[in-house]
Amino acid sequence: MLTSFVLLAACNGCGKTNEKKSATADDGIDSTFQYKVDRFADIEILRYPVPGFNRLSLQQKELIYYLSQAALEGRDILYDQHNKYNLAIRRVLEGVYENYMGDKSTEDWKNLETYLKQIWMANGIHHHYSEDKIMPKFSKEYFISVVKSVDPGRMPFRDGMAADEMLNTILPVMFDPNVMPKRVNQQPGVDLVKTSAVNFYEGITQKQVEDFYNAMKDPNDSTPVSYGLNSKVVMKDGKVTEEVYKIGGLYGKAIERIVGWLEKAAGVAENDQQKEV
């Protein structure tokens, strides 16, 4: 089944009026506008024009820019939440994609490009609908060879990690169909926490998570809050512990940058409602 995703070529969400205006050459939209961006695997990327962006004020465009930057700062958080190895795999693939100097006309290379695009699309190595792990259509041996052919100085190996060490970490996750096969497993009769590849829990079981949050609940609270929406639950020093997403906590630096962009957006908001949102 082919899935289509839509991109907007411009934004017209601000400064709405009752006046009907047609697209002009000023909007950069004419009969030559290309709607289809790309097609790969079971995905087709489309974009649609939203006339009127060029008629927005500079302040309105500035607001849109700040909000878009805040969203981008959260992108890697989503990758990491989907699976603890997503960022490492994506960064290695991007390093190869940008710096590989070998033959790019082969079927293996085309399959590597497709695999990277699927990861970009799904924000990780699992399919965005089925939740199944996306299996590469290039061999493990080919992947090792292209990674090692790239200058290590141009690769995203962190904390002094060498190519072999990084490959030993990510190869089983990428190529073994039995390792983290399902992003979110909903099969009845199994431990849903242990058998799901998401990164919201680590080293614990479903029962331990349920017991942890049940202990927090007040049975007499008529308006109970939802627990576990902004945290990761881990086993630390033999104790179930919650690591909260916040400034000074998990993803703290990224959240700090998000807040910074949102504060800039509030500074150019047009009204109190926009500021509050």
C-alpha atoms as a PDB file:
ATOM      1  CA  MET A   1       0.000   0.000   0.000  1.00  0.00           C
ATOM      2  CA  LEU A   2       1.329   3.400  -0.980  1.00  0.00           C
ATOM      3  CA  THR A   3       1.143   6.083   1.710  1.00  0.00           C
ATOM      4  CA  SER A   4       1.188   9.755   0.748  1.00  0.00           C
ATOM      5  CA  PHE A   5       2.428  12.486   3.047  1.00  0.00           C
ATOM      6  CA  VAL A   6       1.800  16.168   2.555  1.00  0.00           C
ATOM      7  CA  LEU A   7       4.175  19.091   2.945  1.00  0.00           C
ATOM      8  CA  LEU A   8       3.006  22.678   2.817  1.00  0.00           C
ATOM      9  CA  ALA A   9       5.041  24.893   0.532  1.00  0.00           C
ATOM     10  CA  ALA A  10       4.132  27.996   2.524  1.00  0.00           C
ATOM     11  CA  CYS A  11       2.043  28.899   5.539  1.00  0.00           C
ATOM     12  CA  ASN A  12      -1.107  30.963   5.477  1.00  0.00           C
ATOM     13  CA  GLY A  13      -2.242  30.440   9.063  1.00  0.00           C
ATOM     14  CA  CYS A  14      -1.677  34.026  10.162  1.00  0.00           C
ATOM     15  CA  GLY A  15      -3.328  37.274   9.197  1.00  0.00           C
ATOM     16  CA  LYS A  16      -6.565  35.763   7.871  1.00  0.00           C
ATOM     17  CA  THR A  17      -9.056  38.165   6.321  1.00  0.00           C
ATOM     18  CA  ASN A  18     -12.408  37.831   4.632  1.00  0.00           C
ATOM     19  CA  GLU A  19     -10.903  39.061   1.389  1.00  0.00           C
ATOM     20  CA  LYS A  20     -10.495  36.339  -1.223  1.00  0.00           C
ATOM     21  CA  LYS A  21      -7.144  36.540  -2.963  1.00  0.00           C
ATOM     22  CA  SER A  22      -5.828  34.389  -5.738  1.00  0.00           C
ATOM     23  CA  ALA A  23      -2.307  33.051  -5.931  1.00  0.00           C
ATOM     24  CA  THR A  24       0.080  35.371  -7.664  1.00  0.00           C
ATOM     25  CA  ALA A  25       3.538  35.055  -9.109  1.00  0.00           C
ATOM     26  CA  ASP A  26       4.653  36.695  -5.867  1.00  0.00           C
ATOM     27  CA  ASP A  27       3.721  33.481  -4.058  1.00  0.00           C
ATOM     28  CA  GLY A  28       6.068  31.478  -6.258  1.00  0.00           C
ATOM     29  CA  ILE A  29       3.159  29.318  -7.403  1.00  0.00           C
ATOM     30  CA  ASP A  30       2.363  28.783 -11.059  1.00  0.00           C
ATOM     31  CA  SER A  31       1.668  26.001 -13.527  1.00  0.00           C
ATOM     32  CA  THR A  32       5.217  24.677 -13.128  1.00  0.00           C
ATOM     33  CA  PHE A  33       4.781  24.000  -9.385  1.00  0.00           C
ATOM     34  CA  GLN A  34       5.919  20.452  -8.618  1.00  0.00           C
ATOM     35  CA  TYR A  35       3.555  18.593  -6.290  1.00  0.00           C
ATOM     36  CA  LYS A  36       5.474  15.309  -6.101  1.00  0.00           C
ATOM     37  CA  VAL A  37       8.661  15.562  -4.069  1.00  0.00           C
ATOM     38  CA  ASP A  38       9.796  11.934  -3.885  1.00  0.00           C
ATOM     39  CA  ARG A  39       8.623   8.335  -3.950  1.00  0.00           C
ATOM     40  CA  PHE A  40      10.356   5.406  -2.254  1.00  0.00           C
ATOM     41  CA  ALA A  41       9.363   2.059  -0.709  1.00  0.00           C
ATOM     42  CA  ASP A  42       5.655   2.461   0.154  1.00  0.00           C
ATOM     43  CA  ILE A  43       5.863   6.236   0.590  1.00  0.00           C
ATOM     44  CA  GLU A  44       5.062   9.148  -1.682  1.00  0.00           C
ATOM     45  CA  ILE A  45       5.901  12.669  -0.505  1.00  0.00           C
ATOM     46  CA  LEU A  46       3.641  15.420  -1.841  1.00  0.00           C
ATOM     47  CA  ARG A  47       3.663  19.130  -1.229  1.00  0.00           C
ATOM     48  CA  TYR A  48       0.859  21.606  -1.697  1.00  0.00           C
ATOM     49  CA  PRO A  49       1.057  25.379  -2.062  1.00  0.00           C
ATOM     50  CA  VAL A  50      -0.592  27.616   0.513  1.00  0.00           C
ATOM     51  CA  PRO A  51      -0.976  30.971  -1.220  1.00  0.00           C
ATOM     52  CA  GLY A  52      -0.490  34.117   0.789  1.00  0.00           C
ATOM     53  CA  PHE A  53       2.783  33.541   2.636  1.00  0.00           C
ATOM     54  CA  ASN A  54       4.496  36.473   0.934  1.00  0.00           C
ATOM     55  CA  ARG A  55       1.657  38.750   2.022  1.00  0.00           C
ATOM     56  CA  LEU A  56       2.271  38.026   5.701  1.00  0.00           C
ATOM     57  CA  SER A  57       3.970  40.716   7.721  1.00  0.00           C
ATOM     58  CA  LEU A  58       7.604  40.346   8.777  1.00  0.00           C
ATOM     59  CA  GLN A  59       6.414  39.832  12.367  1.00  0.00           C
ATOM     60  CA  GLN A  60       4.110  36.985  11.305  1.00  0.00           C
ATOM     61  CA  LYS A  61       6.913  35.316   9.347  1.00  0.00           C
ATOM     62  CA  GLU A  62       9.200  35.705  12.331  1.00  0.00           C
ATOM     63  CA  LEU A  63       6.613  33.968  14.538  1.00  0.00           C
ATOM     64  CA  ILE A  64       6.389  31.049  12.097  1.00  0.00           C
ATOM     65  CA  TYR A  65      10.177  30.772  11.958  1.00  0.00           C
ATOM     66  CA  TYR A  66      10.572  30.635  15.743  1.00  0.00           C
ATOM     67  CA  LEU A  67       7.851  27.995  16.091  1.00  0.00           C
ATOM     68  CA  SER A  68       9.410  25.874  13.339  1.00  0.00           C
ATOM     69  CA  GLN A  69      12.802  26.047  15.052  1.00  0.00           C
ATOM     70  CA  ALA A  70      11.231  24.930  18.336  1.00  0.00           C
ATOM     71  CA  ALA A  71       9.734  21.933  16.531  1.00  0.00           C
ATOM     72  CA  LEU A  72      13.073  21.039  14.959  1.00  0.00           C
ATOM     73  CA  GLU A  73      14.788  21.072  18.353  1.00  0.00           C
ATOM     74  CA  GLY A  74      12.371  18.345  19.444  1.00  0.00           C
ATOM     75  CA  ARG A  75      13.028  16.116  16.438  1.00  0.00           C
ATOM     76  CA  ASP A  76      15.848  14.097  17.988  1.00  0.00           C
ATOM     77  CA  ILE A  77      13.822  13.621  21.180  1.00  0.00           C
ATOM     78  CA  LEU A  78      11.185  11.808  19.138  1.00  0.00           C
ATOM     79  CA  TYR A  79      13.821   9.611  17.473  1.00  0.00           C
ATOM     80  CA  ASP A  80      15.257   8.663  20.856  1.00  0.00           C
ATOM     81  CA  GLN A  81      11.825   7.975  22.339  1.00  0.00           C
ATOM     82  CA  HIS A  82      11.005   5.619  19.478  1.00  0.00           C
ATOM     83  CA  ASN A  83      14.169   3.556  20.086  1.00  0.00           C
ATOM     84  CA  LYS A  84      17.424   4.062  21.980  1.00  0.00           C
ATOM     85  CA  TYR A  85      19.511   3.187  18.879  1.00  0.00           C
ATOM     86  CA  ASN A  86      17.647   5.351  16.365  1.00  0.00           C
ATOM     87  CA  LEU A  87      19.903   8.380  16.613  1.00  0.00           C
ATOM     88  CA  ALA A  88      23.118   6.351  16.355  1.00  0.00           C
ATOM     89  CA  ILE A  89      21.835   4.495  13.285  1.00  0.00           C
ATOM     90  CA  ARG A  90      20.512   7.630  11.609  1.00  0.00           C
ATOM     91  CA  ARG A  91      23.705   9.609  12.226  1.00  0.00           C
ATOM     92  CA  VAL A  92      25.944   6.845  10.855  1.00  0.00           C
ATOM     93  CA  LEU A  93      23.751   6.525   7.760  1.00  0.00           C
ATOM     94  CA  GLU A  94      23.767  10.307   7.280  1.00  0.00           C
ATOM     95  CA  GLY A  95      27.549  10.355   7.665  1.00  0.00           C
ATOM     96  CA  VAL A  96      27.833   7.736   4.919  1.00  0.00           C
ATOM     97  CA  TYR A  97      25.226   9.471   2.745  1.00  0.00           C
ATOM     98  CA  GLU A  98      27.087  12.785   2.897  1.00  0.00           C
ATOM     99  CA  ASN A  99      30.679  11.545   2.671  1.00  0.00           C
ATOM    100  CA  TYR A 100      30.842   8.221   0.809  1.00  0.00           C
ATOM    101  CA  MET A 101      33.052   8.621  -2.268  1.00  0.00           C
ATOM    102  CA  GLY A 102      32.469   5.206  -3.857  1.00  0.00           C
ATOM    103  CA  ASP A 103      30.121   3.986  -6.582  1.00  0.00           C
ATOM    104  CA  LYS A 104      26.625   5.387  -6.082  1.00  0.00           C
ATOM    105  CA  SER A 105      25.060   3.726  -9.091  1.00  0.00           C
ATOM    106  CA  THR A 106      24.802   0.248  -7.539  1.00  0.00           C
ATOM    107  CA  GLU A 107      21.601  -1.373  -6.301  1.00  0.00           C
ATOM    108  CA  ASP A 108      23.073  -1.599  -2.808  1.00  0.00           C
ATOM    109  CA  TRP A 109      23.629   2.161  -2.658  1.00  0.00           C
ATOM    110  CA  LYS A 110      20.121   2.878  -3.924  1.00  0.00           C
ATOM    111  CA  ASN A 111      18.739   0.546  -1.260  1.00  0.00           C
ATOM    112  CA  LEU A 112      20.805   2.322   1.392  1.00  0.00           C
ATOM    113  CA  GLU A 113      19.372   5.664   0.276  1.00  0.00           C
ATOM    114  CA  THR A 114      15.850   4.245   0.453  1.00  0.00           C
ATOM    115  CA  TYR A 115      16.469   2.842   3.934  1.00  0.00           C
ATOM    116  CA  LEU A 116      17.702   6.233   5.182  1.00  0.00           C
ATOM    117  CA  LYS A 117      14.649   7.959   3.683  1.00  0.00           C
ATOM    118  CA  GLN A 118      12.387   5.430   5.423  1.00  0.00           C
ATOM    119  CA  ILE A 119      14.106   6.241   8.723  1.00  0.00           C
ATOM    120  CA  TRP A 120      13.654   9.976   8.111  1.00  0.00           C
ATOM    121  CA  MET A 121      10.006   9.373   7.301  1.00  0.00           C
ATOM    122  CA  ALA A 122       9.244   7.151  10.305  1.00  0.00           C
ATOM    123  CA  ASN A 123      11.506   8.995  12.774  1.00  0.00           C
ATOM    124  CA  GLY A 124      13.289   5.729  13.390  1.00  0.00           C
ATOM    125  CA  ILE A 125      13.893   2.170  12.227  1.00  0.00           C
ATOM    126  CA  HIS A 126      10.293   1.007  12.691  1.00  0.00           C
ATOM    127  CA  HIS A 127       7.504   1.539  10.163  1.00  0.00           C
ATOM    128  CA  HIS A 128       5.268   4.480  11.017  1.00  0.00           C
ATOM    129  CA  TYR A 129       2.029   2.449  10.613  1.00  0.00           C
ATOM    130  CA  SER A 130       2.753  -1.248  11.123  1.00  0.00           C
ATOM    131  CA  GLU A 131       5.336  -0.619  13.913  1.00  0.00           C
ATOM    132  CA  ASP A 132       7.416  -3.450  12.366  1.00  0.00           C
ATOM    133  CA  LYS A 133      11.159  -2.993  12.070  1.00  0.00           C
ATOM    134  CA  ILE A 134      12.229  -1.857   8.607  1.00  0.00           C
ATOM    135  CA  MET A 135      14.733  -4.392   7.300  1.00  0.00           C
ATOM    136  CA  PRO A 136      17.538  -3.067   5.052  1.00  0.00           C
ATOM    137  CA  LYS A 137      17.630  -4.400   1.495  1.00  0.00           C
ATOM    138  CA  PHE A 138      21.417  -4.140   1.391  1.00  0.00           C
ATOM    139  CA  SER A 139      23.712  -6.646   3.059  1.00  0.00           C
ATOM    140  CA  LYS A 140      25.450  -6.266   6.378  1.00  0.00           C
ATOM    141  CA  GLU A 141      28.784  -6.732   4.599  1.00  0.00           C
ATOM    142  CA  TYR A 142      28.031  -3.874   2.203  1.00  0.00           C
ATOM    143  CA  PHE A 143      27.097  -1.576   5.066  1.00  0.00           C
ATOM    144  CA  ILE A 144      30.299  -2.380   6.959  1.00  0.00           C
ATOM    145  CA  SER A 145      32.366  -1.702   3.859  1.00  0.00           C
ATOM    146  CA  VAL A 146      30.838   1.721   3.129  1.00  0.00           C
ATOM    147  CA  VAL A 147      31.050   2.834   6.769  1.00  0.00           C
ATOM    148  CA  LYS A 148      34.723   1.876   6.975  1.00  0.00           C
ATOM    149  CA  SER A 149      35.484   3.528   3.634  1.00  0.00           C
ATOM    150  CA  VAL A 150      34.510   6.970   4.950  1.00  0.00           C
ATOM    151  CA  ASP A 151      37.084   9.163   6.684  1.00  0.00           C
ATOM    152  CA  PRO A 152      36.416   8.612  10.446  1.00  0.00           C
ATOM    153  CA  GLY A 153      36.842  12.339  10.992  1.00  0.00           C
ATOM    154  CA  ARG A 154      33.696  12.893   8.952  1.00  0.00           C
ATOM    155  CA  MET A 155      31.627  10.305  10.795  1.00  0.00           C
ATOM    156  CA  PRO A 156      29.523  10.975  13.913  1.00  0.00           C
ATOM    157  CA  PHE A 157      31.412   8.604  16.223  1.00  0.00           C
ATOM    158  CA  ARG A 158      30.996   9.994  19.723  1.00  0.00           C
ATOM    159  CA  ASP A 159      33.104   9.789  22.867  1.00  0.00           C
ATOM    160  CA  GLY A 160      36.103   8.434  20.951  1.00  0.00           C
ATOM    161  CA  MET A 161      34.126   5.450  19.690  1.00  0.00           C
ATOM    162  CA  ALA A 162      35.770   3.756  16.685  1.00  0.00           C
ATOM    163  CA  ALA A 163      33.942   2.439  13.623  1.00  0.00           C
ATOM    164  CA  ASP A 164      34.141  -1.184  14.806  1.00  0.00           C
ATOM    165  CA  GLU A 165      32.717  -0.336  18.208  1.00  0.00           C
ATOM    166  CA  MET A 166      29.824   1.600  16.706  1.00  0.00           C
ATOM    167  CA  LEU A 167      29.115  -1.145  14.171  1.00  0.00           C
ATOM    168  CA  ASN A 168      29.110  -3.816  16.884  1.00  0.00           C
ATOM    169  CA  THR A 169      26.429  -1.780  18.656  1.00  0.00           C
ATOM    170  CA  ILE A 170      24.093  -1.053  15.749  1.00  0.00           C
ATOM    171  CA  LEU A 171      24.476  -4.031  13.383  1.00  0.00           C
ATOM    172  CA  PRO A 172      22.304  -6.473  15.377  1.00  0.00           C
ATOM    173  CA  VAL A 173      19.616  -3.809  15.765  1.00  0.00           C
ATOM    174  CA  MET A 174      19.603  -3.128  12.036  1.00  0.00           C
ATOM    175  CA  PHE A 175      20.004  -6.587  10.543  1.00  0.00           C
ATOM    176  CA  ASP A 176      18.738  -9.193  13.029  1.00  0.00           C
ATOM    177  CA  PRO A 177      14.943  -9.530  12.540  1.00  0.00           C
ATOM    178  CA  ASN A 178      14.597 -10.933  16.069  1.00  0.00           C
ATOM    179  CA  VAL A 179      16.146  -7.895  17.781  1.00  0.00           C
ATOM    180  CA  MET A 180      13.562  -5.203  18.620  1.00  0.00           C
ATOM    181  CA  PRO A 181      11.173  -6.373  15.885  1.00  0.00           C
ATOM    182  CA  LYS A 182       8.220  -4.220  16.999  1.00  0.00           C
ATOM    183  CA  ARG A 183       8.230  -0.595  18.081  1.00  0.00           C
ATOM    184  CA  VAL A 184       5.045  -0.994  20.129  1.00  0.00           C
ATOM    185  CA  ASN A 185       3.922  -4.571  20.690  1.00  0.00           C
ATOM    186  CA  GLN A 186       0.201  -4.924  21.389  1.00  0.00           C
ATOM    187  CA  GLN A 187      -0.004  -8.709  21.190  1.00  0.00           C
ATOM    188  CA  PRO A 188      -2.095 -10.128  24.060  1.00  0.00           C
ATOM    189  CA  GLY A 189      -0.507 -12.455  26.562  1.00  0.00           C
ATOM    190  CA  VAL A 190       3.042 -11.021  26.444  1.00  0.00           C
ATOM    191  CA  ASP A 191       4.958  -8.450  28.472  1.00  0.00           C
ATOM    192  CA  LEU A 192       4.200  -5.329  26.405  1.00  0.00           C
ATOM    193  CA  VAL A 193       7.026  -3.338  27.985  1.00  0.00           C
ATOM    194  CA  LYS A 194       9.792  -5.916  27.506  1.00  0.00           C
ATOM    195  CA  THR A 195       8.746  -6.789  23.945  1.00  0.00           C
ATOM    196  CA  SER A 196       8.367  -3.195  22.678  1.00  0.00           C
ATOM    197  CA  ALA A 197      11.342  -1.355  21.196  1.00  0.00           C
ATOM    198  CA  VAL A 198      10.359   2.110  22.417  1.00  0.00           C
ATOM    199  CA  ASN A 199      12.672   3.924  24.786  1.00  0.00           C
ATOM    200  CA  PHE A 200      10.182   4.836  27.525  1.00  0.00           C
ATOM    201  CA  TYR A 201      11.283   1.953  29.755  1.00  0.00           C
ATOM    202  CA  GLU A 202      14.616   0.225  30.327  1.00  0.00           C
ATOM    203  CA  GLY A 203      15.505  -2.865  32.299  1.00  0.00           C
ATOM    204  CA  ILE A 204      12.022  -3.322  33.757  1.00  0.00           C
ATOM    205  CA  THR A 205       8.851  -5.337  33.180  1.00  0.00           C
ATOM    206  CA  GLN A 206       5.268  -4.326  32.481  1.00  0.00           C
ATOM    207  CA  LYS A 207       4.222  -5.340  36.008  1.00  0.00           C
ATOM    208  CA  GLN A 208       6.963  -3.208  37.553  1.00  0.00           C
ATOM    209  CA  VAL A 209       5.797  -0.186  35.559  1.00  0.00           C
ATOM    210  CA  GLU A 210       2.157  -0.770  36.503  1.00  0.00           C
ATOM    211  CA  ASP A 211       3.029  -1.217  40.189  1.00  0.00           C
ATOM    212  CA  PHE A 212       5.181   1.939  40.114  1.00  0.00           C
ATOM    213  CA  TYR A 213       2.406   4.158  38.770  1.00  0.00           C
ATOM    214  CA  ASN A 214      -0.397   2.480  40.725  1.00  0.00           C
ATOM    215  CA  ALA A 215       1.448   3.401  43.919  1.00  0.00           C
ATOM    216  CA  MET A 216       1.251   7.074  42.902  1.00  0.00           C
ATOM    217  CA  LYS A 217      -2.501   7.107  42.370  1.00  0.00           C
ATOM    218  CA  ASP A 218      -4.931   8.484  44.910  1.00  0.00           C
ATOM    219  CA  PRO A 219      -8.094   6.346  44.808  1.00  0.00           C
ATOM    220  CA  ASN A 220     -10.083   9.240  46.317  1.00  0.00           C
ATOM    221  CA  ASP A 221      -9.023  11.779  43.668  1.00  0.00           C
ATOM    222  CA  SER A 222     -12.069  12.672  41.539  1.00  0.00           C
ATOM    223  CA  THR A 223      -9.887  14.355  38.902  1.00  0.00           C
ATOM    224  CA  PRO A 224      -6.798  12.135  38.656  1.00  0.00           C
ATOM    225  CA  VAL A 225      -3.842  13.208  36.557  1.00  0.00           C
ATOM    226  CA  SER A 226      -2.213  11.031  33.900  1.00  0.00           C
ATOM    227  CA  TYR A 227       1.136   9.610  34.946  1.00  0.00           C
ATOM    228  CA  GLY A 228       4.115   8.737  32.775  1.00  0.00           C
ATOM    229  CA  LEU A 229       3.392  11.174  29.921  1.00  0.00           C
ATOM    230  CA  ASN A 230       6.693  13.034  30.130  1.00  0.00           C
ATOM    231  CA  SER A 231       9.149  10.550  31.582  1.00  0.00           C
ATOM    232  CA  LYS A 232      11.166   7.384  31.177  1.00  0.00           C
ATOM    233  CA  VAL A 233      11.030   4.599  33.765  1.00  0.00           C
ATOM    234  CA  VAL A 234      14.272   2.733  34.467  1.00  0.00           C
ATOM    235  CA  MET A 235      15.787   0.359  36.996  1.00  0.00           C
ATOM    236  CA  LYS A 236      18.486   2.256  38.881  1.00  0.00           C
ATOM    237  CA  ASP A 237      20.427   0.813  41.804  1.00  0.00           C
ATOM    238  CA  GLY A 238      17.827  -1.930  42.117  1.00  0.00           C
ATOM    239  CA  LYS A 239      14.959   0.554  42.332  1.00  0.00           C
ATOM    240  CA  VAL A 240      12.335   1.565  39.774  1.00  0.00           C
ATOM    241  CA  THR A 241      12.976   5.240  39.025  1.00  0.00           C
ATOM    242  CA  GLU A 242      11.326   7.881  36.849  1.00  0.00           C
ATOM    243  CA  GLU A 243      13.530  10.153  34.726  1.00  0.00           C
ATOM    244  CA  VAL A 244      11.482  13.228  33.833  1.00  0.00           C
ATOM    245  CA  TYR A 245      11.794  15.175  30.578  1.00  0.00           C
ATOM    246  CA  LYS A 246      12.546  18.705  31.754  1.00  0.00           C
ATOM    247  CA  ILE A 247      15.175  21.405  31.884  1.00  0.00           C
ATOM    248  CA  GLY A 248      17.838  19.976  34.159  1.00  0.00           C
ATOM    249  CA  GLY A 249      16.515  16.467  33.525  1.00  0.00           C
ATOM    250  CA  LEU A 250      16.221  14.054  30.611  1.00  0.00           C
ATOM    251  CA  TYR A 251      16.563  15.846  27.238  1.00  0.00           C
ATOM    252  CA  GLY A 252      17.294  18.979  29.285  1.00  0.00           C
ATOM    253  CA  LYS A 253      19.531  20.747  26.756  1.00  0.00           C
ATOM    254  CA  ALA A 254      17.107  20.204  23.873  1.00  0.00           C
ATOM    255  CA  ILE A 255      14.153  21.350  25.998  1.00  0.00           C
ATOM    256  CA  GLU A 256      16.123  24.448  26.965  1.00  0.00           C
ATOM    257  CA  ARG A 257      16.540  25.307  23.289  1.00  0.00           C
ATOM    258  CA  ILE A 258      12.831  24.612  22.638  1.00  0.00           C
ATOM    259  CA  VAL A 259      11.874  26.984  25.452  1.00  0.00           C
ATOM    260  CA  GLY A 260      14.257  29.608  24.063  1.00  0.00           C
ATOM    261  CA  TRP A 261      12.585  29.521  20.648  1.00  0.00           C
ATOM    262  CA  LEU A 262       9.098  29.581  22.202  1.00  0.00           C
ATOM    263  CA  GLU A 263      10.048  32.625  24.249  1.00  0.00           C
ATOM    264  CA  LYS A 264      11.160  34.344  21.050  1.00  0.00           C
ATOM    265  CA  ALA A 265       7.847  33.365  19.443  1.00  0.00           C
ATOM    266  CA  ALA A 266       5.900  34.821  22.370  1.00  0.00           C
ATOM    267  CA  GLY A 267       7.804  38.068  21.873  1.00  0.00           C
ATOM    268  CA  VAL A 268       6.376  38.514  18.366  1.00  0.00           C
ATOM    269  CA  ALA A 269       2.935  37.007  18.960  1.00  0.00           C
ATOM    270  CA  GLU A 270       0.046  39.146  17.718  1.00  0.00           C
ATOM    271  CA  ASN A 271      -2.264  38.703  20.699  1.00  0.00           C
ATOM    272  CA  ASP A 272      -2.581  37.208  24.169  1.00  0.00           C
ATOM    273  CA  GLN A 273      -4.124  33.980  22.863  1.00  0.00           C
ATOM    274  CA  GLN A 274      -1.094  33.297  20.663  1.00  0.00           C
ATOM    275  CA  LYS A 275       1.224  34.062  23.582  1.00  0.00           C
ATOM    276  CA  GLU A 276      -0.665  31.689  25.855  1.00  0.00           C
ATOM    277  CA  VAL A 277      -0.581  28.858  23.328  1.00  0.00           C
END
